[in-house]
Amino acid sequence: MKNSKVRRRTSPSNESDRLSEIYQVAAQIICEKGYDATSMDDIADAVGITKAGIYHYIHGKGEMLFQIMSYGMDRLDRHVIIPAREIRDPEARLRAIIRSHALLIAAGSNNKGNNPITIVTDEVAGLAPAHRRAIEKRKRVYLDLVRETLRELKDQKKLSDVDITVAAFSLFGVMLWLSRWYRPNGRLTREEAANQVSKIALGGLLASRKS
């Protein structure tokens, strides 16, 4: 009966929603148990379908990890990277990158205080070599965008006296750590959390303006 229900999910929207659910649940289990200790049975049980139903969507555990990371990178492209490239002014672009990324992380966080999709993107050691290269290449594109933005700010004398590469990696650290502490039922709304992260990050990156 469960298998028949899975097969009837043929519309693009239902397929996409089901995959999103599987990725979110699988990522959460991996965060809790670790990738090696997570089985396809664990994921199927948590989603509420059979193991065969899971294989209707995902062909194996390694493929699943790659698809989770790709799903996370797709969301980052759609909500952060692509819109940022449309902004010509580097300061406005940097502000948009930080705020949009922080909002994206906060939106996917759960009541346990983490965003499993964001955290699982660190599990690159579990990927096949070709998949690892593909994910690292996508991460590099984002890093290059941030570094180029910081370089433009430096050329305009708007950047603090910091090394661009160190600044870029430090910025990612500030943003990504949000995925490990933000709770949607906590004191801060996701907008307030994003504003605080932006204020802290920009305070360390932008040169002070003299009156």
Protein backbone atom coordinates (compact mmCIF):
# COMPACT_ATOMS: atom_id res chain seq x y z
CA MET A 1 0.00 0.00 0.00
CA LYS A 2 2.76 2.45 0.87
CA ASN A 3 4.59 1.69 -2.38
CA SER A 4 1.45 2.40 -4.42
CA LYS A 5 1.12 5.76 -2.70
CA VAL A 6 4.68 6.62 -3.59
CA ARG A 7 4.19 5.73 -7.26
CA ARG A 8 1.12 7.95 -7.56
CA ARG A 9 3.26 11.02 -6.73
CA THR A 10 3.88 11.92 -10.34
CA SER A 11 3.25 15.67 -10.57
CA PRO A 12 6.41 17.85 -10.59
CA SER A 13 5.30 19.78 -7.50
CA ASN A 14 4.61 16.61 -5.49
CA GLU A 15 7.90 15.05 -6.58
CA SER A 16 9.77 18.19 -5.57
CA ASP A 17 7.99 18.44 -2.22
CA ARG A 18 8.66 14.78 -1.44
CA LEU A 19 12.32 15.08 -2.34
CA SER A 20 12.65 18.18 -0.16
CA GLU A 21 11.10 16.27 2.73
CA ILE A 22 13.44 13.31 2.23
CA TYR A 23 16.51 15.58 2.05
CA GLN A 24 15.52 17.48 5.19
CA VAL A 25 14.79 14.31 7.17
CA ALA A 26 17.91 12.51 5.93
CA ALA A 27 20.09 15.51 6.73
CA GLN A 28 18.67 15.71 10.24
CA ILE A 29 19.39 12.02 10.89
CA ILE A 30 22.92 12.40 9.55
CA CYS A 31 23.44 15.37 11.88
CA GLU A 32 22.30 13.27 14.84
CA LYS A 33 23.89 9.90 14.04
CA GLY A 34 26.67 10.69 11.59
CA TYR A 35 26.75 9.71 7.92
CA ASP A 36 28.33 6.28 8.42
CA ALA A 37 25.79 5.26 11.08
CA THR A 38 22.77 6.41 9.05
CA SER A 39 20.97 3.74 7.03
CA MET A 40 18.38 3.99 4.28
CA ASP A 41 16.01 2.15 6.63
CA ASP A 42 16.43 4.96 9.18
CA ILE A 43 15.45 7.52 6.56
CA ALA A 44 12.52 5.50 5.22
CA ASP A 45 11.13 5.00 8.74
CA ALA A 46 11.47 8.70 9.56
CA VAL A 47 9.80 9.82 6.32
CA GLY A 48 7.04 7.25 6.71
CA ILE A 49 7.50 5.25 3.52
CA THR A 50 9.09 1.92 2.72
CA LYS A 51 12.75 1.46 1.85
CA ALA A 52 11.61 0.64 -1.69
CA GLY A 53 9.77 3.96 -1.68
CA ILE A 54 12.99 5.78 -0.80
CA TYR A 55 14.73 4.05 -3.71
CA HIS A 56 12.00 5.39 -5.98
CA TYR A 57 13.58 8.79 -5.41
CA ILE A 58 17.21 8.07 -4.48
CA HIS A 59 19.39 5.25 -5.83
CA GLY A 60 21.77 4.82 -2.92
CA LYS A 61 23.23 6.33 0.21
CA GLY A 62 26.18 7.99 -1.52
CA GLU A 63 23.89 9.40 -4.19
CA MET A 64 21.58 10.64 -1.45
CA LEU A 65 24.39 12.58 0.27
CA PHE A 66 25.35 14.18 -3.02
CA GLN A 67 21.74 15.09 -3.78
CA ILE A 68 21.29 16.66 -0.33
CA MET A 69 24.37 18.81 -0.88
CA SER A 70 23.26 19.69 -4.42
CA TYR A 71 19.83 20.63 -3.08
CA GLY A 72 21.48 22.93 -0.53
CA MET A 73 23.69 24.50 -3.18
CA ASP A 74 20.70 24.96 -5.51
CA ARG A 75 18.90 26.92 -2.79
CA LEU A 76 22.03 28.99 -2.19
CA ASP A 77 22.26 29.76 -5.90
CA ARG A 78 18.61 30.72 -6.14
CA HIS A 79 18.33 32.85 -3.01
CA VAL A 80 21.84 34.30 -2.60
CA ILE A 81 24.32 33.96 -5.45
CA ILE A 82 22.18 34.74 -8.50
CA PRO A 83 20.47 37.81 -6.94
CA ALA A 84 23.81 39.11 -5.64
CA ARG A 85 25.34 39.04 -9.11
CA GLU A 86 22.70 41.52 -10.24
CA ILE A 87 23.92 44.12 -7.73
CA ARG A 88 26.66 46.34 -9.14
CA ASP A 89 27.64 48.23 -6.01
CA PRO A 90 29.99 45.98 -3.97
CA GLU A 91 28.86 47.27 -0.57
CA ALA A 92 25.20 46.71 -1.40
CA ARG A 93 26.12 43.31 -2.84
CA LEU A 94 27.99 42.29 0.31
CA ARG A 95 25.09 43.39 2.51
CA ALA A 96 22.68 41.40 0.34
CA ILE A 97 24.88 38.28 0.43
CA ILE A 98 25.15 38.29 4.21
CA ARG A 99 21.50 39.02 4.88
CA SER A 100 20.13 36.62 2.25
CA HIS A 101 22.39 33.79 3.37
CA ALA A 102 21.57 34.36 7.03
CA LEU A 103 17.83 34.40 6.28
CA LEU A 104 18.14 31.21 4.24
CA ILE A 105 19.92 29.43 7.09
CA ALA A 106 17.47 30.66 9.71
CA ALA A 107 14.48 29.66 7.56
CA GLY A 108 15.70 26.05 7.44
CA SER A 109 16.62 25.77 11.11
CA ASN A 110 14.67 23.46 13.39
CA ASN A 111 13.80 23.51 17.07
CA LYS A 112 16.95 21.54 17.92
CA GLY A 113 18.99 24.57 16.99
CA ASN A 114 20.43 23.63 13.62
CA ASN A 115 19.87 23.72 9.90
CA PRO A 116 20.60 20.13 8.85
CA ILE A 117 20.95 20.90 5.14
CA THR A 118 23.64 23.50 5.85
CA ILE A 119 25.51 21.29 8.32
CA VAL A 120 25.51 18.23 6.05
CA THR A 121 27.29 20.20 3.32
CA ASP A 122 30.39 19.72 5.50
CA GLU A 123 30.20 15.91 5.04
CA VAL A 124 32.21 15.97 1.81
CA ALA A 125 34.39 13.06 2.97
CA GLY A 126 31.42 10.75 2.40
CA LEU A 127 31.16 11.67 -1.28
CA ALA A 128 32.54 9.78 -4.24
CA PRO A 129 35.52 11.64 -5.78
CA ALA A 130 33.56 12.95 -8.77
CA HIS A 131 30.73 14.17 -6.55
CA ARG A 132 33.19 15.76 -4.14
CA ARG A 133 34.80 17.70 -6.98
CA ALA A 134 31.41 18.89 -8.21
CA ILE A 135 30.37 20.19 -4.78
CA GLU A 136 33.75 21.80 -4.10
CA LYS A 137 33.57 23.53 -7.49
CA ARG A 138 30.18 25.02 -6.59
CA LYS A 139 31.49 26.17 -3.20
CA ARG A 140 34.46 27.75 -4.94
CA VAL A 141 32.16 29.79 -7.19
CA TYR A 142 30.54 31.30 -4.09
CA LEU A 143 33.89 31.93 -2.42
CA ASP A 144 35.15 33.69 -5.55
CA LEU A 145 32.06 35.89 -5.63
CA VAL A 146 32.65 37.00 -2.04
CA ARG A 147 36.38 37.54 -2.57
CA GLU A 148 35.75 39.60 -5.70
CA THR A 149 33.21 41.70 -3.79
CA LEU A 150 35.73 42.31 -1.03
CA ARG A 151 38.40 43.14 -3.60
CA GLU A 152 36.15 45.76 -5.17
CA LEU A 153 35.51 47.25 -1.73
CA LYS A 154 39.25 47.37 -1.10
CA ASP A 155 39.81 49.19 -4.40
CA GLN A 156 37.19 51.73 -3.31
CA LYS A 157 38.90 52.16 0.09
CA LYS A 158 35.80 50.83 1.81
CA LEU A 159 37.34 47.66 3.26
CA SER A 160 39.04 47.41 6.63
CA ASP A 161 42.74 46.55 6.73
CA VAL A 162 42.17 42.79 6.38
CA ASP A 163 43.38 40.03 4.09
CA ILE A 164 40.68 39.34 1.51
CA THR A 165 40.88 35.55 1.63
CA VAL A 166 40.97 35.45 5.43
CA ALA A 167 38.04 37.86 5.50
CA ALA A 168 36.01 35.72 3.09
CA PHE A 169 36.51 32.50 5.04
CA SER A 170 35.83 34.30 8.33
CA LEU A 171 32.60 35.68 6.90
CA PHE A 172 31.47 32.19 5.95
CA GLY A 173 32.28 31.05 9.47
CA VAL A 174 30.07 33.75 10.98
CA MET A 175 27.16 32.97 8.65
CA LEU A 176 27.37 29.19 8.80
CA TRP A 177 27.61 29.07 12.58
CA LEU A 178 24.10 30.50 12.62
CA SER A 179 22.90 27.06 11.49
CA ARG A 180 24.09 25.57 14.79
CA TRP A 181 22.54 27.97 17.27
CA TYR A 182 19.48 29.67 15.80
CA ARG A 183 16.12 28.37 17.03
CA PRO A 184 12.93 29.54 15.30
CA ASN A 185 11.03 29.34 18.61
CA GLY A 186 13.69 31.36 20.44
CA ARG A 187 13.96 35.01 21.40
CA LEU A 188 14.97 36.30 17.97
CA THR A 189 12.96 36.16 14.77
CA ARG A 190 14.90 35.05 11.71
CA GLU A 191 14.94 38.65 10.48
CA GLU A 192 16.38 39.83 13.79
CA ALA A 193 18.99 37.06 13.76
CA ALA A 194 19.96 37.95 10.18
CA ASN A 195 20.24 41.62 11.13
CA GLN A 196 22.53 40.82 14.05
CA VAL A 197 24.77 38.60 11.94
CA SER A 198 24.94 41.32 9.27
CA LYS A 199 25.82 43.99 11.81
CA ILE A 200 28.61 41.92 13.35
CA ALA A 201 30.07 40.81 10.01
CA LEU A 202 29.92 44.22 8.36
CA GLY A 203 31.34 45.90 11.45
CA GLY A 204 34.52 43.89 11.02
CA LEU A 205 34.78 44.18 7.24
CA LEU A 206 33.84 47.72 6.27
CA ALA A 207 36.20 50.59 6.92
CA SER A 208 34.92 53.12 9.42
CA ARG A 209 33.56 56.30 7.90
CA LYS A 210 34.96 59.56 9.18
CA SER A 211 32.45 62.30 9.76
